[in-house]
Amino acid sequence: MLATAALAVPAAVAAVAAAPADGATAGCSVGYTVNQWSGGYTAQIRITNLGAPLSGWQLGWTYGGDQHVTSAWNATVSQSGAAVTASSLSYNGALASGASTDFGLQGSWQSADPAPTAFTLNGVSCGGETTTPPTTPPTTPPTTPPTTPPTSPPAGCGTAVLCSGFEDQTGSTPSGAWQFSAPDCQGTGAVSVDSSVAHSGSRSLRVDGRAGYCNHAFAAATQDLSAVGPVMYVRMWVRHTTALPVSHVAFVAMPDASQGGRALRVGGQNGALQWNRESDDATLPAQSPVGVSMSRPLPTGSWQCLRFAVNTSAPGLDTWLGDEQVPGLHVDGAPTQDVDQQWLSRTAPPRPTALRLGWESYATGDDTLWFDDVAVGSSPLGC
């Protein structure tokens, strides 16, 4: 969730950006391409390093209008007044001489939205700014996110605190780092270790999910995730058999300290992926025809890379299916019609403490699923 976009970080509160990794640079060029509509805009920004190699970068500029950044991808963006700072992430900070990288942002404006004309890279003025004039303003914001930049986080586990391909499982019953769990009620569903189907290696986690009210069957990771953050990144490969049903189901559940241990859930409803909050049954997106259309089904019969990023300190949540950031599964703190008004009714940021993979149904919805190559950490995780 999440090419891959980093978590869209709200910039409503000014933040102090991290110090540049290796000082000033001798030269750079910046391309700033803006797409504008009444009251909002997106901008695609490309940095080209014309100086010595960099191991990290900060791009700064000042807006000439009343623009306010609300979210970003492939960079951490903060704003103080009209001054904006975009900082590299762990996977795109290295820039060789002549190399380029892209990131993007979305924002709002009221009276004026002129594009910036001057930039600094690591504190030194860039000499090659180029600005593409705004496109013809549409009457409404785009219903899908801008084209995802080509830079992607690494596909391995990196510094993830949980990294599992289930190769350590020696029997058919989850053991050791994974334990069977039916947190509220147990029915006829089952969880096993499968040595005949795998995304990589020779094993995966198989879930035979069954329909019926409160039919829970999960494998729970024993790893404590309560200190992961401030943004928790989760990546998994999932393969399932039956299309998501109209009724509510969930296949990922994360106990959430901000809900008193009740679960933050990923699953489906009305045939599309959704988030669900157990404490108040809020959904993301809203289950209106427009909201559901902004989500995506979970393809059957093939391995799918599902990723999400949960901000534990401010409103912020993103979801990617393969290389696509799913627009209906995005929260940035600014309410979006048919998407997150209900989700934002709760102001306390989530604080997931654990991960459970499996199946729960509340009506119809048999399914057989496999999970593999699961990772959780404080840095972006690629497919």
Protein backbone atom coordinates (compact mmCIF):
# COMPACT_ATOMS: atom_id res chain seq x y z
CA MET A 1 0.00 0.00 0.00
CA LEU A 2 2.73 1.95 -0.34
CA ALA A 3 6.00 0.92 -7.51
CA THR A 4 5.47 1.67 -3.89
CA ALA A 5 4.36 4.67 -1.94
CA ALA A 6 5.55 5.56 1.50
CA LEU A 7 3.01 6.47 4.14
CA ALA A 8 1.27 9.73 3.37
CA VAL A 9 2.33 11.83 6.32
CA PRO A 10 0.05 14.69 7.39
CA ALA A 11 1.74 18.09 7.51
CA ALA A 12 -0.89 19.96 9.47
CA VAL A 13 1.48 20.26 12.40
CA ALA A 14 4.95 21.63 11.73
CA ALA A 15 7.74 19.14 12.40
CA VAL A 16 11.51 19.42 12.61
CA ALA A 17 13.10 17.50 9.75
CA ALA A 18 16.10 15.26 10.32
CA ALA A 19 19.54 16.71 9.59
CA PRO A 20 20.96 16.05 6.11
CA ALA A 21 23.05 12.92 5.91
CA ASP A 22 26.19 14.44 4.47
CA GLY A 23 25.97 18.21 4.28
CA ALA A 24 25.54 20.43 1.27
CA THR A 25 25.58 19.40 -2.35
CA ALA A 26 27.32 21.20 -5.19
CA GLY A 27 24.37 21.31 -7.55
CA CYS A 28 20.98 19.95 -8.39
CA SER A 29 17.94 20.38 -10.56
CA VAL A 30 14.32 20.04 -9.56
CA GLY A 31 11.23 19.42 -11.67
CA TYR A 32 7.89 20.31 -10.08
CA THR A 33 4.80 19.20 -12.03
CA VAL A 34 1.44 20.22 -10.59
CA ASN A 35 -2.09 19.04 -11.21
CA GLN A 36 -4.59 21.53 -9.78
CA TRP A 37 -8.31 21.63 -9.13
CA SER A 38 -10.54 23.98 -7.17
CA GLY A 39 -9.30 23.82 -3.60
CA GLY A 40 -6.69 21.11 -4.09
CA TYR A 41 -3.63 19.94 -5.99
CA THR A 42 -1.08 17.20 -6.39
CA ALA A 43 2.56 17.73 -7.29
CA GLN A 44 5.10 15.30 -8.72
CA ILE A 45 8.68 16.33 -7.85
CA ARG A 46 11.90 15.00 -9.36
CA ILE A 47 15.31 15.74 -7.85
CA THR A 48 18.47 15.26 -9.92
CA ASN A 49 21.77 15.36 -8.03
CA LEU A 50 24.40 17.26 -10.01
CA GLY A 51 27.00 17.23 -7.24
CA ALA A 52 28.82 14.66 -5.17
CA PRO A 53 27.03 11.43 -4.20
CA LEU A 54 24.54 11.78 -1.35
CA SER A 55 23.50 9.26 1.28
CA GLY A 56 20.45 11.30 2.27
CA TRP A 57 18.64 14.43 1.09
CA GLN A 58 16.35 17.24 2.18
CA LEU A 59 14.55 19.37 -0.38
CA GLY A 60 13.17 22.72 0.76
CA TRP A 61 10.95 25.35 -0.82
CA THR A 62 8.54 28.12 0.11
CA TYR A 63 5.03 28.40 -1.24
CA GLY A 64 3.88 31.76 -2.59
CA GLY A 65 0.18 31.05 -1.98
CA ASP A 66 -1.81 29.51 0.88
CA GLN A 67 -1.08 25.89 -0.03
CA HIS A 68 -1.18 23.34 2.75
CA VAL A 69 0.36 19.88 2.30
CA THR A 70 -1.94 17.09 3.51
CA SER A 71 -0.12 13.92 2.43
CA ALA A 72 2.97 12.68 0.63
CA TRP A 73 4.53 9.55 -0.83
CA ASN A 74 8.18 8.49 -1.15
CA ALA A 75 9.24 11.27 1.26
CA THR A 76 8.53 12.58 4.74
CA VAL A 77 7.08 16.07 4.31
CA SER A 78 6.71 18.74 7.00
CA GLN A 79 5.42 22.30 6.71
CA SER A 80 5.88 25.39 8.87
CA GLY A 81 3.95 28.36 7.54
CA ALA A 82 4.77 28.59 3.85
CA ALA A 83 8.08 26.70 4.21
CA VAL A 84 8.07 23.02 3.22
CA THR A 85 10.76 20.38 3.78
CA ALA A 86 10.77 16.95 2.13
CA SER A 87 13.22 14.38 3.53
CA SER A 88 14.38 11.12 1.99
CA LEU A 89 13.31 7.75 3.32
CA SER A 90 15.56 4.83 4.17
CA TYR A 91 15.25 3.32 0.69
CA ASN A 92 15.70 6.39 -1.55
CA GLY A 93 18.22 8.58 0.22
CA ALA A 94 21.27 7.45 -1.75
CA LEU A 95 21.73 9.62 -4.86
CA ALA A 96 24.80 9.13 -7.02
CA SER A 97 26.05 12.05 -9.08
CA GLY A 98 23.63 12.45 -11.99
CA ALA A 99 20.99 10.22 -10.37
CA SER A 100 17.36 11.24 -9.90
CA THR A 101 14.55 10.31 -7.55
CA ASP A 102 10.85 11.17 -7.46
CA PHE A 103 8.31 11.83 -4.75
CA GLY A 104 4.87 13.38 -4.65
CA LEU A 105 2.42 15.18 -2.44
CA GLN A 106 -1.17 16.27 -2.22
CA GLY A 107 -2.48 19.47 -0.68
CA SER A 108 -5.21 22.04 -0.38
CA TRP A 109 -5.45 25.77 -1.09
CA GLN A 110 -8.07 28.50 -0.85
CA SER A 111 -7.05 31.68 -2.64
CA ALA A 112 -3.88 30.95 -4.64
CA ASP A 113 -1.75 27.98 -5.70
CA PRO A 114 1.35 29.24 -7.56
CA ALA A 115 4.07 26.64 -8.05
CA PRO A 116 7.33 27.29 -6.16
CA THR A 117 10.20 28.70 -8.21
CA ALA A 118 13.22 28.12 -5.94
CA PHE A 119 14.45 25.03 -4.11
CA THR A 120 17.31 24.06 -1.81
CA LEU A 121 18.89 20.62 -1.53
CA ASN A 122 20.59 19.94 1.79
CA GLY A 123 20.61 23.68 2.44
CA VAL A 124 22.17 24.76 -0.88
CA SER A 125 20.23 26.52 -3.62
CA CYS A 126 19.43 24.45 -6.70
CA GLY A 127 20.25 26.13 -9.98
CA GLY A 128 18.00 24.15 -12.28
CA GLU A 129 14.41 24.54 -11.20
CA THR A 130 11.74 23.75 -13.76
CA THR A 131 8.02 24.05 -13.20
CA THR A 132 5.27 22.57 -15.32
CA PRO A 133 2.20 24.84 -15.31
CA PRO A 134 -0.96 23.43 -13.77
CA THR A 135 -3.06 21.25 -15.99
CA THR A 136 -6.57 22.40 -16.86
CA PRO A 137 -8.31 22.41 -13.50
CA PRO A 138 -10.87 19.63 -13.12
CA THR A 139 -13.95 20.30 -11.04
CA THR A 140 -13.17 17.56 -8.52
CA PRO A 141 -10.05 15.86 -7.15
CA PRO A 142 -8.82 12.74 -8.94
CA THR A 143 -10.48 9.53 -7.71
CA THR A 144 -7.23 7.59 -8.01
CA PRO A 145 -3.81 8.61 -6.69
CA PRO A 146 -1.21 10.08 -9.01
CA THR A 147 1.05 7.69 -10.89
CA THR A 148 3.25 6.03 -8.32
CA PRO A 149 6.90 7.06 -8.54
CA PRO A 150 9.31 4.36 -9.76
CA THR A 151 11.37 4.26 -6.57
CA SER A 152 10.41 1.26 -4.44
CA PRO A 153 11.42 0.08 -0.98
CA PRO A 154 13.48 -3.13 -0.87
CA ALA A 155 11.63 -6.42 -1.22
CA GLY A 156 13.47 -8.18 1.60
CA CYS A 157 12.92 -7.83 5.31
CA GLY A 158 15.65 -5.26 6.04
CA THR A 159 15.45 -4.31 9.71
CA ALA A 160 11.94 -5.75 10.19
CA VAL A 161 11.29 -7.10 13.68
CA LEU A 162 9.08 -9.86 12.26
CA CYS A 163 10.19 -11.71 9.14
CA SER A 164 8.65 -15.08 8.37
CA GLY A 165 8.47 -17.37 5.37
CA PHE A 166 7.30 -20.16 7.70
CA GLU A 167 10.41 -22.17 6.83
CA ASP A 168 11.04 -22.69 10.57
CA GLN A 169 7.80 -24.64 10.91
CA THR A 170 8.56 -28.36 11.07
CA GLY A 171 5.11 -29.87 11.47
CA SER A 172 1.66 -29.31 10.04
CA THR A 173 0.46 -27.37 13.10
CA PRO A 174 1.76 -23.80 13.69
CA SER A 175 4.27 -23.77 16.53
CA GLY A 176 7.06 -21.67 17.97
CA ALA A 177 6.78 -18.15 16.58
CA TRP A 178 3.20 -18.83 15.37
CA GLN A 179 0.35 -20.20 17.46
CA PHE A 180 -3.27 -21.07 16.66
CA SER A 181 -5.70 -18.45 17.94
CA ALA A 182 -9.49 -18.07 18.01
CA PRO A 183 -9.71 -14.77 19.92
CA ASP A 184 -13.49 -14.53 20.34
CA CYS A 185 -14.98 -17.83 19.27
CA GLN A 186 -13.94 -21.02 17.51
CA GLY A 187 -15.86 -22.81 14.79
CA THR A 188 -14.88 -25.24 12.08
CA GLY A 189 -12.06 -23.19 10.51
CA ALA A 190 -8.52 -24.55 10.64
CA VAL A 191 -4.94 -23.31 10.30
CA SER A 192 -2.03 -25.46 9.13
CA VAL A 193 1.48 -25.33 7.70
CA ASP A 194 1.40 -26.25 4.00
CA SER A 195 4.48 -27.79 2.38
CA SER A 196 2.90 -28.09 -1.09
CA VAL A 197 2.00 -24.43 -1.78
CA ALA A 198 4.40 -21.52 -1.22
CA HIS A 199 5.22 -18.11 -2.61
CA SER A 200 8.90 -18.74 -1.92
CA GLY A 201 10.76 -21.53 -0.19
CA SER A 202 8.87 -24.69 0.62
CA ARG A 203 6.22 -23.71 3.17
CA SER A 204 3.35 -21.35 3.72
CA LEU A 205 0.57 -20.82 6.23
CA ARG A 206 -2.76 -22.28 5.08
CA VAL A 207 -6.12 -21.15 6.46
CA ASP A 208 -9.34 -23.05 5.78
CA GLY A 209 -11.84 -20.33 6.58
CA ARG A 210 -15.45 -21.21 7.21
CA ALA A 211 -18.63 -19.17 7.01
CA GLY A 212 -20.97 -18.65 9.92
CA TYR A 213 -21.25 -16.10 12.67
CA CYS A 214 -17.97 -15.44 14.54
CA ASN A 215 -16.07 -18.33 13.06
CA HIS A 216 -12.47 -17.50 13.95
CA ALA A 217 -9.30 -19.35 12.91
CA PHE A 218 -5.98 -17.48 13.07
CA ALA A 219 -2.28 -18.03 13.42
CA ALA A 220 -0.96 -15.41 15.83
CA ALA A 221 2.66 -14.28 15.71
CA THR A 222 4.20 -14.36 19.18
CA GLN A 223 6.41 -11.34 18.38
CA ASP A 224 5.54 -8.24 20.45
CA LEU A 225 4.94 -5.36 18.01
CA SER A 226 4.02 -2.68 20.54
CA ALA A 227 7.28 -0.76 20.00
CA VAL A 228 7.26 -0.81 16.18
CA GLY A 229 6.85 2.68 14.76
CA PRO A 230 6.06 5.51 14.79
CA VAL A 231 4.85 4.11 11.46
CA MET A 232 4.23 0.36 11.35
CA TYR A 233 4.83 -1.17 7.91
CA VAL A 234 3.40 -4.62 7.15
CA ARG A 235 3.95 -6.73 4.06
CA MET A 236 2.57 -10.13 3.21
CA TRP A 237 1.91 -12.31 0.22
CA VAL A 238 -1.57 -13.77 0.24
CA ARG A 239 -3.32 -16.21 -2.07
CA HIS A 240 -7.02 -16.91 -1.74
CA THR A 241 -9.58 -19.04 -3.50
CA THR A 242 -13.02 -17.42 -3.37
CA ALA A 243 -13.89 -13.81 -4.22
CA LEU A 244 -14.52 -11.59 -1.23
CA PRO A 245 -18.23 -11.77 -0.32
CA VAL A 246 -20.83 -9.07 0.16
CA SER A 247 -20.89 -9.71 3.92
CA HIS A 248 -18.08 -8.71 6.29
CA VAL A 249 -15.01 -10.95 6.57
CA ALA A 250 -11.49 -10.36 7.86
CA PHE A 251 -8.20 -12.15 7.23
CA VAL A 252 -5.77 -9.89 9.16
CA ALA A 253 -6.41 -8.83 12.76
CA MET A 254 -4.08 -6.70 14.87
CA PRO A 255 -4.86 -6.25 18.58
CA ASP A 256 -4.91 -2.49 19.11
CA ALA A 257 -3.98 -0.91 22.44
CA SER A 258 -5.91 2.26 21.53
CA GLN A 259 -9.07 0.13 21.35
CA GLY A 260 -8.38 -1.67 24.62
CA GLY A 261 -7.03 -4.69 22.76
CA ARG A 262 -9.85 -4.94 20.25
CA ALA A 263 -8.72 -5.54 16.70
CA LEU A 264 -7.75 -3.36 13.77
CA ARG A 265 -8.82 -5.61 10.89
CA VAL A 266 -8.16 -5.98 7.16
CA GLY A 267 -10.70 -7.95 5.16
CA GLY A 268 -13.54 -7.40 2.77
CA GLN A 269 -17.12 -6.28 2.38
CA ASN A 270 -19.26 -5.73 -0.71
CA GLY A 271 -16.65 -7.63 -2.69
CA ALA A 272 -13.78 -5.20 -2.03
CA LEU A 273 -10.91 -4.83 0.42
CA GLN A 274 -11.69 -2.84 3.55
CA TRP A 275 -10.35 -1.89 6.94
CA ASN A 276 -12.60 -2.41 9.94
CA ARG A 277 -12.24 -1.15 13.52
CA GLU A 278 -13.69 -3.63 16.00
CA SER A 279 -14.53 -1.15 18.78
CA ASP A 280 -17.07 0.86 16.74
CA ASP A 281 -17.31 -1.20 13.51
CA ALA A 282 -16.10 1.78 11.46
CA THR A 283 -15.02 0.85 7.94
CA LEU A 284 -12.55 2.26 5.45
CA PRO A 285 -13.77 3.09 2.89
CA ALA A 286 -17.35 3.99 3.73
CA GLN A 287 -19.61 1.22 2.40
CA SER A 288 -21.37 3.43 -0.13
CA PRO A 289 -21.21 2.59 -3.86
CA VAL A 290 -18.71 5.42 -4.37
CA GLY A 291 -16.58 4.38 -1.40
CA VAL A 292 -16.51 0.71 -2.41
CA SER A 293 -15.59 1.68 -5.99
CA MET A 294 -12.46 3.40 -4.63
CA SER A 295 -11.26 0.15 -3.07
CA ARG A 296 -10.21 -3.00 -4.96
CA PRO A 297 -11.16 -6.69 -4.96
CA LEU A 298 -8.52 -9.17 -3.85
CA PRO A 299 -7.71 -11.27 -6.96
CA THR A 300 -8.17 -15.02 -6.56
CA GLY A 301 -6.01 -17.94 -7.61
CA SER A 302 -2.66 -16.13 -7.53
CA TRP A 303 -0.20 -14.71 -5.02
CA GLN A 304 -0.86 -11.04 -4.26
CA CYS A 305 1.48 -8.65 -2.44
CA LEU A 306 -0.51 -6.73 0.17
CA ARG A 307 1.16 -3.95 2.15
CA PHE A 308 0.01 -1.33 4.56
CA ALA A 309 1.42 1.40 6.75
CA VAL A 310 -0.21 2.47 10.01
CA ASN A 311 0.80 5.74 11.67
CA THR A 312 0.70 5.24 15.43
CA SER A 313 1.16 8.91 16.35
CA ALA A 314 -1.21 10.79 13.99
CA PRO A 315 -3.99 10.07 11.50
CA GLY A 316 -2.28 8.24 8.68
CA LEU A 317 -2.92 4.91 6.98
CA ASP A 318 -2.06 3.61 3.52
CA THR A 319 -2.62 0.35 1.69
CA TRP A 320 -1.05 -1.06 -1.45
CA LEU A 321 -2.14 -4.04 -3.53
CA GLY A 322 0.81 -4.95 -5.70
CA ASP A 323 2.18 -1.70 -7.10
CA GLU A 324 -1.06 0.25 -6.61
CA GLN A 325 -1.81 2.56 -3.73
CA VAL A 326 -5.52 1.92 -3.14
CA PRO A 327 -7.27 5.33 -2.96
CA GLY A 328 -10.18 4.11 -0.84
CA LEU A 329 -7.83 2.66 1.76
CA HIS A 330 -5.98 5.90 2.49
CA VAL A 331 -6.27 8.19 5.52
CA ASP A 332 -4.39 11.49 5.86
CA GLY A 333 -6.35 13.37 8.52
CA ALA A 334 -8.36 15.47 6.04
CA PRO A 335 -11.86 13.98 5.61
CA THR A 336 -12.60 12.64 2.13
CA GLN A 337 -16.19 12.19 1.02
CA ASP A 338 -17.27 8.53 0.84
CA VAL A 339 -13.92 7.34 2.19
CA ASP A 340 -12.82 8.19 5.72
CA GLN A 341 -15.32 10.42 7.51
CA GLN A 342 -16.48 7.49 9.64
CA TRP A 343 -12.92 6.30 10.21
CA LEU A 344 -11.84 9.73 11.46
CA SER A 345 -14.65 9.81 14.03
CA ARG A 346 -12.13 8.21 16.38
CA THR A 347 -9.27 10.59 17.10
CA ALA A 348 -6.88 8.27 18.96
CA PRO A 349 -4.23 6.89 16.56
CA PRO A 350 -4.06 3.07 16.45
CA ARG A 351 -1.33 1.24 18.35
CA PRO A 352 -1.18 -2.34 17.02
CA THR A 353 0.64 -4.73 19.37
CA ALA A 354 0.53 -8.05 17.50
CA LEU A 355 -0.35 -9.70 14.18
CA ARG A 356 -2.85 -12.47 13.46
CA LEU A 357 -3.39 -14.06 10.03
CA GLY A 358 -6.45 -16.17 9.31
CA TRP A 359 -10.16 -15.83 8.69
CA GLU A 360 -13.27 -14.64 10.47
CA SER A 361 -16.75 -14.54 9.02
CA TYR A 362 -20.03 -13.20 10.33
CA ALA A 363 -22.38 -14.67 7.71
CA THR A 364 -21.44 -16.16 4.33
CA GLY A 365 -17.86 -16.52 3.23
CA ASP A 366 -15.96 -19.83 3.05
CA ASP A 367 -12.44 -19.34 1.73
CA THR A 368 -9.07 -21.07 1.62
CA LEU A 369 -6.08 -18.77 1.97
CA TRP A 370 -2.31 -19.05 2.08
CA PHE A 371 0.10 -16.51 3.59
CA ASP A 372 3.86 -16.30 2.98
CA ASP A 373 6.83 -13.92 3.25
CA VAL A 374 5.34 -11.83 6.04
CA ALA A 375 7.26 -8.88 7.50
CA VAL A 376 6.56 -6.09 10.00
CA GLY A 377 8.91 -3.20 10.77
CA SER A 378 9.45 0.53 11.21
CA SER A 379 10.74 1.07 7.63
CA PRO A 380 8.93 0.67 4.30
CA LEU A 381 8.79 -2.89 2.97
CA GLY A 382 8.56 -3.72 -0.72
CA CYS A 383 7.22 -6.71 -2.58
